[in-house]
Structures are given as C-alpha cells and as structure tokens.
Amino acid sequence: MSLTRTRRQKRLSRIRRKKREILKFLEEAKAEAKEKGFSTAEEYLLWRALRREGIEADHNVNIYGVEVDLYISRAKLIVEVGYPDENFRIKWDRLKGMGYKFLYFSNREVWNRSLLPNTVGRIKEIYLVVT
C-alpha cells in the first residue's frame, strides 16, 4: 500500500526537519569543541557525555609518543573516535601490549543521539569493572 501524496509530503517534511535539527546540533557541537580545544565535535560530545556520567577523561593525550583521542586513566582505557587512520592498528597493538584497553567508536555512534547512550554504556562497563 503506497502513501498518498499528502502523507508522503508530510513524511518528507518531517525527515527534512529532523535532518536540519541534526545539522544544527552538529554545528553547535563543532563550535563548542573548537572553543575547548578538541580535534573533532564527536570527541567533544563523547567527552561531555562521559563527564555527565562522572567519568573523567582527558582528550588528545600523548601516551608513549602516541596521541589518543580520549584517555581514562583510572581504567587505563583509550578511546578512539572517528575514522581509523593508517596508524590505527599500529597504535592499538603497541599500546595494548603495554596493558592499555582500547575502544573504537565511529563518528555515527557518537553524534547519533539514540546510539550515544550505548557508546557511553560500553565505556562505563569497563570503567566500573576496573575501578
């Protein structure tokens, strides 16, 4: 059963409105991230969500010559956000060998408001086990 033209137009209008809301949200996050010295808006959004949960994370930390997006020292946990670069696997193997735990999240897992609680939940599980 197909949608009538009016129903289809209303549906498309809702989709466009939702897209505009997301873009506005991301633009605001980018501005805040830049202001606070973060590399990306996604790193900032995750950092902010972790702070709300009472988890302290440092951003853009250099560990043994490797710069990581977020570092939670109490859990010895490294969190990378975004698209993996060519050195991603090398970083991961090197730091994992030193006893660090490593999590990777895509940008979508962070900026999508419905996925962010799951992302924070995964980090929180590791954090609570260790501390």
N, C-alpha and C. Protein backbone atom coordinates (compact mmCIF):
# COMPACT_ATOMS: atom_id res chain seq x y z
N MET A 1 0.84 -1.18 0.00
CA MET A 1 0.00 0.00 0.00
C MET A 1 0.89 1.24 0.00
N SER A 2 0.69 2.09 -0.96
CA SER A 2 1.54 3.27 -1.05
C SER A 2 0.91 4.44 -0.29
N LEU A 3 1.76 5.36 0.07
CA LEU A 3 1.30 6.55 0.77
C LEU A 3 0.63 7.50 -0.21
N THR A 4 -0.37 8.19 0.27
CA THR A 4 -0.96 9.21 -0.58
C THR A 4 0.05 10.34 -0.73
N ARG A 5 -0.17 11.18 -1.70
CA ARG A 5 0.78 12.26 -1.96
C ARG A 5 0.93 13.18 -0.74
N THR A 6 -0.17 13.51 -0.09
CA THR A 6 -0.11 14.40 1.08
C THR A 6 0.66 13.74 2.22
N ARG A 7 0.39 12.48 2.48
CA ARG A 7 1.09 11.76 3.54
C ARG A 7 2.57 11.66 3.23
N ARG A 8 2.89 11.43 1.97
CA ARG A 8 4.28 11.34 1.55
C ARG A 8 4.99 12.68 1.75
N GLN A 9 4.32 13.76 1.39
CA GLN A 9 4.90 15.09 1.56
C GLN A 9 5.12 15.40 3.04
N LYS A 10 4.18 15.03 3.89
CA LYS A 10 4.34 15.26 5.33
C LYS A 10 5.52 14.46 5.87
N ARG A 11 5.62 13.22 5.42
CA ARG A 11 6.72 12.37 5.86
C ARG A 11 8.06 12.96 5.43
N LEU A 12 8.16 13.38 4.18
CA LEU A 12 9.40 14.01 3.70
C LEU A 12 9.71 15.29 4.45
N SER A 13 8.70 16.04 4.78
CA SER A 13 8.88 17.27 5.54
C SER A 13 9.46 16.96 6.93
N ARG A 14 8.94 15.92 7.58
CA ARG A 14 9.47 15.51 8.90
C ARG A 14 10.93 15.08 8.79
N ILE A 15 11.24 14.33 7.75
CA ILE A 15 12.61 13.87 7.55
C ILE A 15 13.55 15.05 7.34
N ARG A 16 13.15 15.99 6.52
CA ARG A 16 13.98 17.19 6.28
C ARG A 16 14.17 18.01 7.55
N ARG A 17 13.11 18.15 8.33
CA ARG A 17 13.18 18.91 9.58
C ARG A 17 14.16 18.22 10.55
N LYS A 18 14.08 16.89 10.64
CA LYS A 18 14.97 16.14 11.52
C LYS A 18 16.42 16.30 11.06
N LYS A 19 16.64 16.27 9.76
CA LYS A 19 17.99 16.44 9.22
C LYS A 19 18.53 17.83 9.57
N ARG A 20 17.69 18.86 9.44
CA ARG A 20 18.11 20.22 9.80
C ARG A 20 18.46 20.31 11.28
N GLU A 21 17.68 19.64 12.13
CA GLU A 21 17.96 19.64 13.57
C GLU A 21 19.31 19.00 13.87
N ILE A 22 19.58 17.89 13.21
CA ILE A 22 20.86 17.20 13.42
C ILE A 22 22.02 18.06 12.96
N LEU A 23 21.87 18.67 11.79
CA LEU A 23 22.95 19.53 11.28
C LEU A 23 23.19 20.73 12.20
N LYS A 24 22.13 21.31 12.72
CA LYS A 24 22.28 22.43 13.66
C LYS A 24 22.98 21.98 14.93
N PHE A 25 22.57 20.81 15.43
CA PHE A 25 23.20 20.23 16.63
C PHE A 25 24.69 20.02 16.40
N LEU A 26 25.07 19.47 15.25
CA LEU A 26 26.47 19.22 14.96
C LEU A 26 27.27 20.51 14.80
N GLU A 27 26.68 21.51 14.18
CA GLU A 27 27.37 22.80 14.03
C GLU A 27 27.65 23.42 15.39
N GLU A 28 26.66 23.36 16.29
CA GLU A 28 26.86 23.89 17.64
C GLU A 28 27.94 23.11 18.38
N ALA A 29 27.93 21.79 18.21
CA ALA A 29 28.93 20.94 18.86
C ALA A 29 30.33 21.25 18.31
N LYS A 30 30.43 21.48 17.01
CA LYS A 30 31.73 21.81 16.40
C LYS A 30 32.28 23.10 16.98
N ALA A 31 31.41 24.09 17.14
CA ALA A 31 31.84 25.38 17.70
C ALA A 31 32.33 25.21 19.14
N GLU A 32 31.57 24.45 19.94
CA GLU A 32 31.97 24.21 21.33
C GLU A 32 33.28 23.43 21.38
N ALA A 33 33.41 22.43 20.52
CA ALA A 33 34.62 21.61 20.50
C ALA A 33 35.85 22.44 20.18
N LYS A 34 35.72 23.29 19.17
CA LYS A 34 36.84 24.15 18.78
C LYS A 34 37.21 25.08 19.92
N GLU A 35 36.21 25.62 20.58
CA GLU A 35 36.42 26.53 21.70
C GLU A 35 37.17 25.86 22.85
N LYS A 36 36.91 24.58 23.07
CA LYS A 36 37.52 23.85 24.19
C LYS A 36 38.78 23.09 23.80
N GLY A 37 39.21 23.19 22.53
CA GLY A 37 40.46 22.60 22.09
C GLY A 37 40.38 21.14 21.65
N PHE A 38 39.22 20.67 21.28
CA PHE A 38 39.08 19.29 20.80
C PHE A 38 39.33 19.24 19.30
N SER A 39 39.80 18.09 18.84
CA SER A 39 40.07 17.91 17.41
C SER A 39 38.78 17.83 16.60
N THR A 40 37.78 17.12 17.15
CA THR A 40 36.52 16.94 16.44
C THR A 40 35.33 17.14 17.38
N ALA A 41 34.18 17.39 16.78
CA ALA A 41 32.95 17.55 17.56
C ALA A 41 32.58 16.23 18.23
N GLU A 42 32.83 15.12 17.55
CA GLU A 42 32.48 13.81 18.10
C GLU A 42 33.27 13.50 19.37
N GLU A 43 34.55 13.84 19.38
CA GLU A 43 35.34 13.66 20.59
C GLU A 43 34.76 14.48 21.73
N TYR A 44 34.40 15.71 21.43
CA TYR A 44 33.83 16.58 22.44
C TYR A 44 32.50 16.04 22.97
N LEU A 45 31.63 15.58 22.07
CA LEU A 45 30.33 15.05 22.50
C LEU A 45 30.49 13.84 23.41
N LEU A 46 31.42 12.96 23.07
CA LEU A 46 31.64 11.79 23.91
C LEU A 46 32.25 12.19 25.25
N TRP A 47 33.22 13.08 25.23
CA TRP A 47 33.84 13.56 26.45
C TRP A 47 32.79 14.18 27.38
N ARG A 48 31.92 14.99 26.80
CA ARG A 48 30.86 15.64 27.58
C ARG A 48 29.89 14.62 28.18
N ALA A 49 29.53 13.61 27.40
CA ALA A 49 28.63 12.56 27.90
C ALA A 49 29.29 11.77 29.03
N LEU A 50 30.59 11.51 28.91
CA LEU A 50 31.29 10.79 29.97
C LEU A 50 31.35 11.62 31.25
N ARG A 51 31.59 12.90 31.10
CA ARG A 51 31.62 13.79 32.28
C ARG A 51 30.28 13.78 33.01
N ARG A 52 29.21 13.75 32.24
CA ARG A 52 27.86 13.69 32.86
C ARG A 52 27.67 12.42 33.67
N GLU A 53 28.37 11.36 33.28
CA GLU A 53 28.28 10.08 33.98
C GLU A 53 29.30 9.98 35.12
N GLY A 54 30.07 11.04 35.32
CA GLY A 54 31.06 11.05 36.39
C GLY A 54 32.37 10.38 36.03
N ILE A 55 32.62 10.19 34.75
CA ILE A 55 33.86 9.56 34.30
C ILE A 55 34.78 10.64 33.75
N GLU A 56 35.94 10.78 34.37
CA GLU A 56 36.90 11.79 33.91
C GLU A 56 37.75 11.23 32.79
N ALA A 57 37.76 11.93 31.69
CA ALA A 57 38.57 11.52 30.54
C ALA A 57 39.37 12.73 30.05
N ASP A 58 40.62 12.50 29.74
CA ASP A 58 41.47 13.55 29.17
C ASP A 58 41.43 13.41 27.65
N HIS A 59 41.52 14.53 26.95
CA HIS A 59 41.47 14.48 25.50
C HIS A 59 42.80 14.85 24.87
N ASN A 60 43.05 14.26 23.69
CA ASN A 60 44.28 14.48 22.93
C ASN A 60 45.53 14.27 23.80
N VAL A 61 45.59 13.11 24.41
CA VAL A 61 46.69 12.76 25.31
C VAL A 61 47.78 12.03 24.52
N ASN A 62 49.01 12.31 24.87
CA ASN A 62 50.14 11.64 24.25
C ASN A 62 50.64 10.56 25.21
N ILE A 63 50.52 9.29 24.79
CA ILE A 63 50.96 8.17 25.62
C ILE A 63 52.09 7.46 24.88
N TYR A 64 53.27 7.54 25.43
CA TYR A 64 54.45 6.93 24.81
C TYR A 64 54.58 7.30 23.34
N GLY A 65 54.40 8.56 23.06
CA GLY A 65 54.56 9.06 21.70
C GLY A 65 53.37 8.83 20.78
N VAL A 66 52.29 8.30 21.32
CA VAL A 66 51.09 8.05 20.52
C VAL A 66 49.98 8.96 21.02
N GLU A 67 49.45 9.80 20.12
CA GLU A 67 48.36 10.69 20.52
C GLU A 67 47.03 9.94 20.40
N VAL A 68 46.27 9.96 21.50
CA VAL A 68 44.98 9.27 21.54
C VAL A 68 43.88 10.32 21.75
N ASP A 69 42.67 9.99 21.28
CA ASP A 69 41.56 10.94 21.38
C ASP A 69 41.14 11.18 22.82
N LEU A 70 40.78 10.12 23.51
CA LEU A 70 40.36 10.21 24.91
C LEU A 70 41.08 9.16 25.73
N TYR A 71 41.45 9.53 26.95
CA TYR A 71 42.13 8.59 27.83
C TYR A 71 41.52 8.66 29.21
N ILE A 72 41.10 7.50 29.71
CA ILE A 72 40.53 7.40 31.06
C ILE A 72 41.58 6.69 31.90
N SER A 73 42.33 7.47 32.68
CA SER A 73 43.50 6.94 33.38
C SER A 73 43.12 5.92 34.46
N ARG A 74 42.02 6.13 35.17
CA ARG A 74 41.64 5.19 36.25
C ARG A 74 41.39 3.79 35.72
N ALA A 75 40.98 3.67 34.46
CA ALA A 75 40.70 2.36 33.88
C ALA A 75 41.78 1.94 32.88
N LYS A 76 42.76 2.81 32.67
CA LYS A 76 43.81 2.57 31.67
C LYS A 76 43.16 2.25 30.32
N LEU A 77 42.15 3.08 29.99
CA LEU A 77 41.33 2.86 28.80
C LEU A 77 41.53 3.98 27.80
N ILE A 78 41.80 3.60 26.56
CA ILE A 78 41.96 4.54 25.46
C ILE A 78 40.74 4.43 24.57
N VAL A 79 40.18 5.59 24.22
CA VAL A 79 39.00 5.62 23.36
C VAL A 79 39.35 6.42 22.11
N GLU A 80 39.18 5.80 20.96
CA GLU A 80 39.39 6.47 19.69
C GLU A 80 38.04 6.69 19.03
N VAL A 81 37.86 7.88 18.47
CA VAL A 81 36.60 8.25 17.83
C VAL A 81 36.89 8.67 16.40
N GLY A 82 36.06 8.23 15.47
CA GLY A 82 36.20 8.67 14.09
C GLY A 82 36.71 7.58 13.19
N TYR A 83 37.23 8.00 12.08
CA TYR A 83 37.70 7.05 11.09
C TYR A 83 39.13 6.66 11.40
N PRO A 84 39.41 5.35 11.41
CA PRO A 84 40.78 4.92 11.71
C PRO A 84 41.75 5.37 10.62
N ASP A 85 42.88 5.88 11.05
CA ASP A 85 43.90 6.28 10.07
C ASP A 85 44.82 5.09 9.82
N GLU A 86 45.84 5.31 9.01
CA GLU A 86 46.73 4.21 8.64
C GLU A 86 47.54 3.70 9.83
N ASN A 87 47.70 4.52 10.85
CA ASN A 87 48.48 4.11 12.02
C ASN A 87 47.62 3.52 13.13
N PHE A 88 46.32 3.42 12.89
CA PHE A 88 45.39 2.97 13.91
C PHE A 88 45.78 1.60 14.46
N ARG A 89 46.02 0.63 13.61
CA ARG A 89 46.34 -0.73 14.04
C ARG A 89 47.69 -0.76 14.76
N ILE A 90 48.64 0.00 14.29
CA ILE A 90 49.96 0.05 14.93
C ILE A 90 49.84 0.60 16.34
N LYS A 91 49.09 1.72 16.47
CA LYS A 91 48.86 2.32 17.79
C LYS A 91 48.22 1.30 18.73
N TRP A 92 47.16 0.68 18.23
CA TRP A 92 46.39 -0.26 19.03
C TRP A 92 47.26 -1.39 19.54
N ASP A 93 48.02 -2.02 18.64
CA ASP A 93 48.87 -3.15 19.02
C ASP A 93 49.95 -2.74 20.03
N ARG A 94 50.56 -1.60 19.78
CA ARG A 94 51.64 -1.12 20.64
C ARG A 94 51.15 -0.85 22.06
N LEU A 95 50.04 -0.13 22.18
CA LEU A 95 49.54 0.23 23.50
C LEU A 95 48.84 -0.94 24.19
N LYS A 96 48.22 -1.80 23.42
CA LYS A 96 47.59 -2.99 24.00
C LYS A 96 48.65 -3.87 24.65
N GLY A 97 49.80 -3.96 24.01
CA GLY A 97 50.91 -4.72 24.56
C GLY A 97 51.43 -4.16 25.87
N MET A 98 51.16 -2.90 26.13
CA MET A 98 51.59 -2.26 27.38
C MET A 98 50.50 -2.34 28.46
N GLY A 99 49.41 -3.03 28.17
CA GLY A 99 48.37 -3.20 29.18
C GLY A 99 47.20 -2.23 29.10
N TYR A 100 47.16 -1.43 28.06
CA TYR A 100 46.05 -0.50 27.89
C TYR A 100 44.87 -1.20 27.22
N LYS A 101 43.69 -0.81 27.62
CA LYS A 101 42.48 -1.28 26.95
C LYS A 101 42.12 -0.27 25.88
N PHE A 102 41.52 -0.71 24.81
CA PHE A 102 41.31 0.14 23.65
C PHE A 102 39.91 -0.04 23.11
N LEU A 103 39.17 1.05 22.94
CA LEU A 103 37.85 1.02 22.32
C LEU A 103 37.83 1.98 21.14
N TYR A 104 37.13 1.58 20.10
CA TYR A 104 36.98 2.43 18.92
C TYR A 104 35.49 2.62 18.64
N PHE A 105 35.09 3.85 18.38
CA PHE A 105 33.71 4.16 18.01
C PHE A 105 33.71 5.00 16.74
N SER A 106 32.74 4.73 15.89
CA SER A 106 32.60 5.54 14.68
C SER A 106 31.99 6.88 15.07
N ASN A 107 32.12 7.85 14.18
CA ASN A 107 31.51 9.16 14.43
C ASN A 107 30.01 9.03 14.62
N ARG A 108 29.39 8.17 13.82
CA ARG A 108 27.94 7.99 13.89
C ARG A 108 27.49 7.49 15.27
N GLU A 109 28.28 6.60 15.87
CA GLU A 109 27.93 6.09 17.19
C GLU A 109 27.95 7.18 18.25
N VAL A 110 28.65 8.25 17.98
CA VAL A 110 28.74 9.34 18.95
C VAL A 110 27.72 10.43 18.68
N TRP A 111 27.61 10.90 17.44
CA TRP A 111 26.70 12.03 17.20
C TRP A 111 25.25 11.63 17.08
N ASN A 112 24.97 10.36 16.86
CA ASN A 112 23.58 9.91 16.81
C ASN A 112 23.07 9.80 18.24
N ARG A 113 22.11 10.63 18.60
CA ARG A 113 21.64 10.71 19.98
C ARG A 113 21.05 9.40 20.49
N SER A 114 20.55 8.57 19.59
CA SER A 114 19.98 7.30 20.04
C SER A 114 21.06 6.25 20.28
N LEU A 115 22.24 6.41 19.67
CA LEU A 115 23.33 5.45 19.85
C LEU A 115 24.30 5.86 20.96
N LEU A 116 24.36 7.15 21.29
CA LEU A 116 25.33 7.64 22.27
C LEU A 116 25.19 6.95 23.63
N PRO A 117 23.97 6.73 24.16
CA PRO A 117 23.88 6.03 25.45
C PRO A 117 24.51 4.63 25.43
N ASN A 118 24.41 3.92 24.32
CA ASN A 118 25.05 2.60 24.20
C ASN A 118 26.57 2.73 24.21
N THR A 119 27.06 3.76 23.54
CA THR A 119 28.50 4.01 23.48
C THR A 119 29.04 4.30 24.88
N VAL A 120 28.36 5.20 25.58
CA VAL A 120 28.77 5.55 26.94
C VAL A 120 28.64 4.32 27.85
N GLY A 121 27.60 3.54 27.64
CA GLY A 121 27.38 2.34 28.44
C GLY A 121 28.53 1.34 28.32
N ARG A 122 29.04 1.16 27.11
CA ARG A 122 30.17 0.25 26.90
C ARG A 122 31.41 0.73 27.64
N ILE A 123 31.65 2.03 27.60
CA ILE A 123 32.80 2.59 28.31
C ILE A 123 32.59 2.45 29.82
N LYS A 124 31.38 2.73 30.27
CA LYS A 124 31.06 2.67 31.69
C LYS A 124 31.23 1.25 32.25
N GLU A 125 30.87 0.23 31.47
CA GLU A 125 31.05 -1.16 31.90
C GLU A 125 32.51 -1.45 32.23
N ILE A 126 33.40 -1.05 31.33
CA ILE A 126 34.83 -1.28 31.56
C ILE A 126 35.30 -0.46 32.75
N TYR A 127 34.87 0.78 32.82
CA TYR A 127 35.27 1.69 33.89
C TYR A 127 34.87 1.12 35.26
N LEU A 128 33.63 0.63 35.37
CA LEU A 128 33.14 0.11 36.65
C LEU A 128 33.82 -1.19 37.05
N VAL A 129 34.19 -2.01 36.10
CA VAL A 129 34.88 -3.26 36.41
C VAL A 129 36.26 -2.98 36.98
N VAL A 130 36.94 -2.01 36.41
CA VAL A 130 38.32 -1.72 36.79
C VAL A 130 38.41 -0.91 38.08
N THR A 131 37.49 0.03 38.27
CA THR A 131 37.59 0.92 39.45
C THR A 131 36.83 0.42 40.64
